[in-house]
Amino acid sequence: MAQANTTYRHVYVIGCGDIGARVARRWQSQNVAVTGIVRSDISVQHLQAQGIPARACDLGQTACCVPALAASSLIYYFTPPPSTGQQDSHCRQFLHCLDAQAQRPARIIAISTTGVYGDRGGDLVTEDEPPNPQVDRAHRRYDMETQLRSWSAQHAVDLIILRVGGIYGPGRLPLERIQKGIPILYENLAPKTNRIHADDLAAIAVAAAGVEHRYRVYNVSDGTDSNMSEYFLTLADYFGLARPPQVDWAEAERVMSPGMLSYLRESRRVSNARMLQELDVKLQYPDLMSGLESCK
């Protein structure tokens, strides 16, 4: 793995949920000070119970509440956008908070989504392909990217964007959905998908702190060629659950939620070659079967 830049004096994780906590613990193991920023006091207590110092800050509110930054700090921006619309008002509020700071961060690393590429008909997509978001959730993420890129260029702050597909790991599997017998598409109709284990994503996020680029985008995926229905069937078999029923498109449009249908209408494979080469990462879980053992 690329050696992390430990000249950062402080690491802030904005939106310090499951992935953020995994990242925070990796920095703490290198004796770097970390602060997790979360929405609620309950989440603050949850992080503090894990030994991660935390502050409450709800970016859905207009009051500027990001704590004063230390010099030479690293910010991870992991806060999800609002659930509706095509713009990310949370990111806008975050940047408003940074504008009020005496210190600028040295680098921002943000999690986006491979959904910004839109439907590519199952084709392989590299970071050089122009984004083409087609649904609101992808528009919101691309709006976040655009806001961060404009602000970072204006203030001479490094920016790394991690475009991530599906994330799996302990506590992150759709087992309840399988147990409920919610239908899936026939495997031959299912779209191509991309995924990464939560621990590998955390390792990649730390490695991204040391890459020598002022601005760079990385596709994050384990690189395996799979589809969504194969994923559900593999999980069912591995955990000894009944396989969910399979349906065609006509039945899917009748019984599935609009949110799930929006995912199923997009098919793409993302190349992780840049991630592997430039971040010098060796994935702990290079395929789904190797990662499921950690999820028992």
Protein backbone atom coordinates (compact mmCIF):
# COMPACT_ATOMS: atom_id res chain seq x y z
CA MET A 1 0.00 0.00 0.00
CA ALA A 2 1.13 3.55 -0.67
CA GLN A 3 2.57 5.11 2.46
CA ALA A 4 0.13 7.58 3.99
CA ASN A 5 1.24 11.18 4.28
CA THR A 6 1.63 11.41 8.05
CA THR A 7 2.56 15.10 7.85
CA TYR A 8 -1.15 15.78 8.29
CA ARG A 9 -1.50 17.21 11.76
CA HIS A 10 -5.15 16.30 12.14
CA VAL A 11 -7.70 14.19 10.30
CA TYR A 12 -11.37 15.19 10.24
CA VAL A 13 -14.02 12.74 9.03
CA ILE A 14 -17.16 14.63 8.03
CA GLY A 15 -19.95 12.07 8.08
CA CYS A 16 -18.15 9.54 10.27
CA GLY A 17 -20.36 6.49 9.91
CA ASP A 18 -19.22 2.91 9.41
CA ILE A 19 -16.64 3.66 6.70
CA GLY A 20 -15.51 6.83 8.45
CA ALA A 21 -14.90 4.96 11.70
CA ARG A 22 -12.83 2.36 9.85
CA VAL A 23 -10.75 5.15 8.32
CA ALA A 24 -10.42 6.93 11.67
CA ARG A 25 -9.08 3.82 13.40
CA ARG A 26 -6.44 3.35 10.71
CA TRP A 27 -5.17 6.90 11.25
CA GLN A 28 -5.25 6.49 15.02
CA SER A 29 -3.05 3.39 14.64
CA GLN A 30 -0.46 5.76 13.11
CA ASN A 31 -0.80 8.14 16.09
CA VAL A 32 -2.52 10.83 14.05
CA ALA A 33 -5.21 12.89 15.82
CA VAL A 34 -8.70 12.27 14.44
CA THR A 35 -12.07 13.97 14.95
CA GLY A 36 -15.28 12.46 13.64
CA ILE A 37 -18.08 14.86 12.68
CA VAL A 38 -21.58 13.39 12.89
CA ARG A 39 -25.16 14.65 12.84
CA SER A 40 -26.37 13.84 16.34
CA ASP A 41 -25.27 13.59 19.95
CA ILE A 42 -26.20 9.89 19.90
CA SER A 43 -23.74 9.35 17.05
CA VAL A 44 -21.11 11.31 18.99
CA GLN A 45 -21.54 8.90 21.90
CA HIS A 46 -21.32 5.91 19.56
CA LEU A 47 -17.98 7.10 18.16
CA GLN A 48 -16.60 8.02 21.57
CA ALA A 49 -17.42 4.52 22.77
CA GLN A 50 -15.08 3.30 20.02
CA GLY A 51 -12.35 5.66 21.20
CA ILE A 52 -12.87 8.17 18.37
CA PRO A 53 -13.21 11.82 19.46
CA ALA A 54 -16.33 13.31 17.89
CA ARG A 55 -18.37 16.47 17.46
CA ALA A 56 -21.99 16.94 16.39
CA CYS A 57 -22.66 18.99 13.26
CA ASP A 58 -25.79 18.71 11.13
CA LEU A 59 -25.04 20.01 7.65
CA GLY A 60 -28.75 20.01 6.99
CA GLN A 61 -28.89 23.10 9.21
CA THR A 62 -27.75 26.56 8.15
CA ALA A 63 -25.64 27.31 11.22
CA CYS A 64 -21.92 26.88 10.55
CA CYS A 65 -20.76 24.20 12.94
CA VAL A 66 -17.63 22.51 11.54
CA PRO A 67 -14.99 22.89 14.30
CA ALA A 68 -11.96 25.10 13.77
CA LEU A 69 -9.44 23.22 11.66
CA ALA A 70 -5.87 22.59 12.68
CA ALA A 71 -3.17 23.64 10.23
CA SER A 72 -2.13 21.03 7.64
CA SER A 73 -5.27 18.99 8.17
CA LEU A 74 -6.86 16.27 6.05
CA ILE A 75 -10.62 16.19 5.59
CA TYR A 76 -12.63 13.16 4.55
CA TYR A 77 -16.01 14.24 3.23
CA PHE A 78 -18.31 11.23 3.62
CA THR A 79 -21.61 13.02 4.28
CA PRO A 80 -24.41 11.73 2.04
CA PRO A 81 -26.44 14.29 0.09
CA PRO A 82 -30.13 15.00 0.78
CA SER A 83 -32.52 12.24 -0.24
CA THR A 84 -34.29 14.26 -2.96
CA GLY A 85 -33.47 16.70 -5.74
CA GLN A 86 -30.44 17.00 -7.99
CA GLN A 87 -28.27 19.27 -5.82
CA ASP A 88 -26.27 18.63 -2.68
CA SER A 89 -27.14 21.34 -0.17
CA HIS A 90 -25.14 19.51 2.53
CA CYS A 91 -21.92 20.00 0.56
CA ARG A 92 -22.81 23.63 -0.02
CA GLN A 93 -23.18 24.15 3.73
CA PHE A 94 -19.91 22.31 4.37
CA LEU A 95 -18.04 24.63 1.99
CA HIS A 96 -19.73 27.64 3.58
CA CYS A 97 -18.32 26.45 6.90
CA LEU A 98 -14.84 26.10 5.40
CA ASP A 99 -15.05 29.64 4.01
CA ALA A 100 -15.46 30.89 7.59
CA GLN A 101 -12.32 29.08 8.78
CA ALA A 102 -8.98 30.74 9.44
CA GLN A 103 -7.20 27.60 8.17
CA ARG A 104 -7.67 25.78 4.87
CA PRO A 105 -7.29 21.99 4.79
CA ALA A 106 -4.32 20.55 2.93
CA ARG A 107 -6.47 17.95 1.20
CA ILE A 108 -10.08 16.78 0.89
CA ILE A 109 -10.93 13.18 0.06
CA ALA A 110 -14.59 12.62 -0.85
CA ILE A 111 -16.67 9.53 -1.52
CA SER A 112 -18.83 9.78 -4.63
CA THR A 113 -20.53 7.04 -6.65
CA THR A 114 -19.90 5.19 -9.89
CA GLY A 115 -23.52 6.11 -10.62
CA VAL A 116 -22.26 9.43 -12.02
CA TYR A 117 -21.29 7.53 -15.20
CA GLY A 118 -24.92 6.60 -15.87
CA ASP A 119 -25.92 3.55 -17.87
CA ARG A 120 -23.04 2.23 -20.01
CA GLY A 121 -24.72 -0.95 -21.19
CA GLY A 122 -22.33 -3.15 -19.24
CA ASP A 123 -19.24 -1.58 -20.84
CA LEU A 124 -15.99 -1.08 -18.93
CA VAL A 125 -15.65 2.51 -17.69
CA THR A 126 -12.42 4.33 -16.80
CA GLU A 127 -12.02 7.62 -14.98
CA ASP A 128 -11.41 9.33 -18.32
CA GLU A 129 -15.03 8.75 -19.35
CA PRO A 130 -17.16 11.89 -18.90
CA PRO A 131 -19.86 11.62 -16.22
CA ASN A 132 -23.41 11.25 -17.48
CA PRO A 133 -25.69 11.03 -14.42
CA GLN A 134 -29.19 9.94 -15.33
CA VAL A 135 -31.06 9.67 -12.03
CA ASP A 136 -31.44 12.17 -9.20
CA ARG A 137 -29.21 10.32 -6.72
CA ALA A 138 -26.35 10.38 -9.26
CA HIS A 139 -26.99 14.04 -10.08
CA ARG A 140 -26.67 14.88 -6.38
CA ARG A 141 -23.32 13.13 -6.13
CA TYR A 142 -22.00 14.78 -9.27
CA ASP A 143 -23.17 18.14 -7.92
CA MET A 144 -21.08 17.41 -4.82
CA GLU A 145 -18.06 16.60 -6.99
CA THR A 146 -18.52 19.80 -8.98
CA GLN A 147 -18.83 21.96 -5.87
CA LEU A 148 -15.75 20.44 -4.26
CA ARG A 149 -13.67 20.73 -7.42
CA SER A 150 -14.57 24.40 -7.90
CA TRP A 151 -13.87 25.30 -4.27
CA SER A 152 -10.63 23.32 -4.09
CA ALA A 153 -9.29 24.90 -7.28
CA GLN A 154 -10.17 28.37 -6.01
CA HIS A 155 -8.39 27.81 -2.67
CA ALA A 156 -5.45 25.65 -3.88
CA VAL A 157 -6.58 22.63 -1.83
CA ASP A 158 -5.88 19.08 -3.01
CA LEU A 159 -8.97 17.07 -3.91
CA ILE A 160 -9.29 13.30 -4.37
CA ILE A 161 -12.63 11.82 -5.46
CA LEU A 162 -13.34 8.14 -4.80
CA ARG A 163 -16.15 6.89 -7.05
CA VAL A 164 -17.47 3.84 -5.26
CA GLY A 165 -19.95 1.19 -6.35
CA GLY A 166 -21.70 -1.10 -3.85
CA ILE A 167 -20.12 -1.50 -0.42
CA TYR A 168 -20.43 -4.78 1.46
CA GLY A 169 -19.04 -6.09 4.73
CA PRO A 170 -20.16 -7.01 8.25
CA GLY A 171 -23.56 -5.45 8.87
CA ARG A 172 -23.80 -4.27 5.26
CA LEU A 173 -25.44 -7.24 3.55
CA PRO A 174 -29.05 -7.31 2.25
CA LEU A 175 -29.87 -10.49 4.18
CA GLU A 176 -33.20 -9.18 5.47
CA ARG A 177 -34.29 -8.49 1.91
CA ILE A 178 -33.41 -12.06 0.94
CA GLN A 179 -35.21 -13.47 3.97
CA LYS A 180 -38.35 -11.57 2.98
CA GLY A 181 -38.26 -13.22 -0.45
CA ILE A 182 -38.26 -9.94 -2.36
CA PRO A 183 -37.89 -10.82 -6.07
CA ILE A 184 -34.81 -10.20 -8.18
CA LEU A 185 -34.36 -10.07 -11.94
CA TYR A 186 -33.52 -13.23 -13.83
CA GLU A 187 -29.75 -13.47 -13.81
CA ASN A 188 -29.47 -13.12 -17.59
CA LEU A 189 -31.36 -9.80 -17.37
CA ALA A 190 -29.50 -8.36 -14.39
CA PRO A 191 -27.18 -5.36 -14.84
CA LYS A 192 -23.43 -5.43 -14.32
CA THR A 193 -22.44 -4.13 -10.89
CA ASN A 194 -19.32 -3.19 -8.94
CA ARG A 195 -18.55 -3.65 -5.26
CA ILE A 196 -15.83 -3.25 -2.65
CA HIS A 197 -15.42 -4.60 0.86
CA ALA A 198 -15.73 -1.95 3.57
CA ASP A 199 -12.25 -2.67 4.97
CA ASP A 200 -10.66 -2.38 1.53
CA LEU A 201 -12.47 0.93 0.97
CA ALA A 202 -11.06 2.25 4.26
CA ALA A 203 -7.55 1.18 3.26
CA ILE A 204 -7.96 2.86 -0.14
CA ALA A 205 -9.16 6.07 1.54
CA VAL A 206 -6.03 6.15 3.70
CA ALA A 207 -3.77 5.41 0.72
CA ALA A 208 -5.40 8.29 -1.18
CA ALA A 209 -4.02 10.69 1.42
CA GLY A 210 -0.49 10.21 0.12
CA VAL A 211 -0.93 10.21 -3.67
CA GLU A 212 0.94 13.01 -5.43
CA HIS A 213 -1.89 14.70 -7.30
CA ARG A 214 -3.60 18.01 -6.71
CA TYR A 215 -6.80 16.60 -8.22
CA ARG A 216 -7.54 13.01 -9.11
CA VAL A 217 -10.53 10.68 -9.51
CA TYR A 218 -10.35 6.97 -8.68
CA ASN A 219 -12.86 4.25 -9.44
CA VAL A 220 -13.10 2.00 -6.38
CA SER A 221 -14.03 -1.63 -7.03
CA ASP A 222 -12.60 -5.10 -6.44
CA GLY A 223 -12.65 -5.50 -10.23
CA THR A 224 -14.69 -8.69 -10.38
CA ASP A 225 -17.20 -9.12 -13.21
CA SER A 226 -20.58 -9.70 -11.60
CA ASN A 227 -24.23 -8.72 -11.72
CA MET A 228 -26.79 -7.81 -9.08
CA SER A 229 -28.80 -11.02 -9.20
CA GLU A 230 -25.67 -13.16 -8.93
CA TYR A 231 -24.83 -11.15 -5.80
CA PHE A 232 -28.17 -11.93 -4.12
CA LEU A 233 -28.04 -15.60 -5.12
CA THR A 234 -24.49 -15.98 -3.80
CA LEU A 235 -25.47 -14.43 -0.47
CA ALA A 236 -28.50 -16.69 -0.16
CA ASP A 237 -26.44 -19.82 -0.83
CA TYR A 238 -23.57 -18.77 1.46
CA PHE A 239 -25.81 -18.02 4.45
CA GLY A 240 -28.16 -20.96 3.88
CA LEU A 241 -31.19 -18.88 2.94
CA ALA A 242 -33.86 -19.65 0.38
CA ARG A 243 -33.00 -18.12 -2.96
CA PRO A 244 -35.23 -15.13 -3.79
CA PRO A 245 -37.69 -15.62 -6.65
CA GLN A 246 -36.58 -14.37 -10.06
CA VAL A 247 -38.83 -12.32 -12.33
CA ASP A 248 -38.71 -10.71 -15.77
CA TRP A 249 -38.77 -6.97 -16.41
CA ALA A 250 -42.55 -6.75 -16.72
CA GLU A 251 -43.05 -8.31 -13.30
CA ALA A 252 -40.15 -6.32 -11.80
CA GLU A 253 -41.80 -3.06 -12.81
CA ARG A 254 -44.93 -4.20 -11.01
CA VAL A 255 -43.44 -5.44 -7.73
CA MET A 256 -40.14 -3.59 -7.18
CA SER A 257 -39.64 -0.16 -5.63
CA PRO A 258 -38.80 2.82 -7.86
CA GLY A 259 -35.44 3.09 -6.11
CA MET A 260 -34.44 -0.49 -6.90
CA LEU A 261 -35.67 -0.17 -10.47
CA SER A 262 -33.46 2.88 -10.96
CA TYR A 263 -30.42 0.77 -10.00
CA LEU A 264 -31.48 -2.09 -12.23
CA ARG A 265 -31.78 0.15 -15.29
CA GLU A 266 -28.08 1.03 -15.18
CA SER A 267 -25.35 -1.41 -16.10
CA ARG A 268 -21.63 -0.72 -16.08
CA ARG A 269 -18.30 -2.21 -15.07
CA VAL A 270 -15.66 0.15 -13.71
CA SER A 271 -11.96 -0.27 -14.26
CA ASN A 272 -9.94 -0.23 -11.03
CA ALA A 273 -6.57 -0.18 -12.82
CA ARG A 274 -5.75 3.41 -11.83
CA MET A 275 -6.61 2.69 -8.20
CA LEU A 276 -4.41 -0.39 -8.06
CA GLN A 277 -1.47 1.23 -9.85
CA GLU A 278 -1.38 4.73 -8.40
CA LEU A 279 -2.50 3.97 -4.85
CA ASP A 280 -0.42 0.79 -4.73
CA VAL A 281 -3.13 -1.11 -2.87
CA LYS A 282 -3.35 -4.85 -2.44
CA LEU A 283 -6.96 -5.75 -1.79
CA GLN A 284 -7.59 -7.90 1.27
CA TYR A 285 -10.82 -9.12 -0.34
CA PRO A 286 -10.36 -9.25 -4.14
CA ASP A 287 -13.68 -11.03 -4.71
CA LEU A 288 -16.99 -11.58 -2.95
CA MET A 289 -16.31 -15.09 -1.68
CA SER A 290 -13.08 -14.03 0.02
CA GLY A 291 -14.94 -11.18 1.73
CA LEU A 292 -17.96 -13.10 2.99
CA GLU A 293 -15.93 -14.96 5.61
CA SER A 294 -15.51 -11.62 7.43
CA CYS A 295 -19.30 -11.13 7.45
CA LYS A 296 -20.27 -14.18 9.51
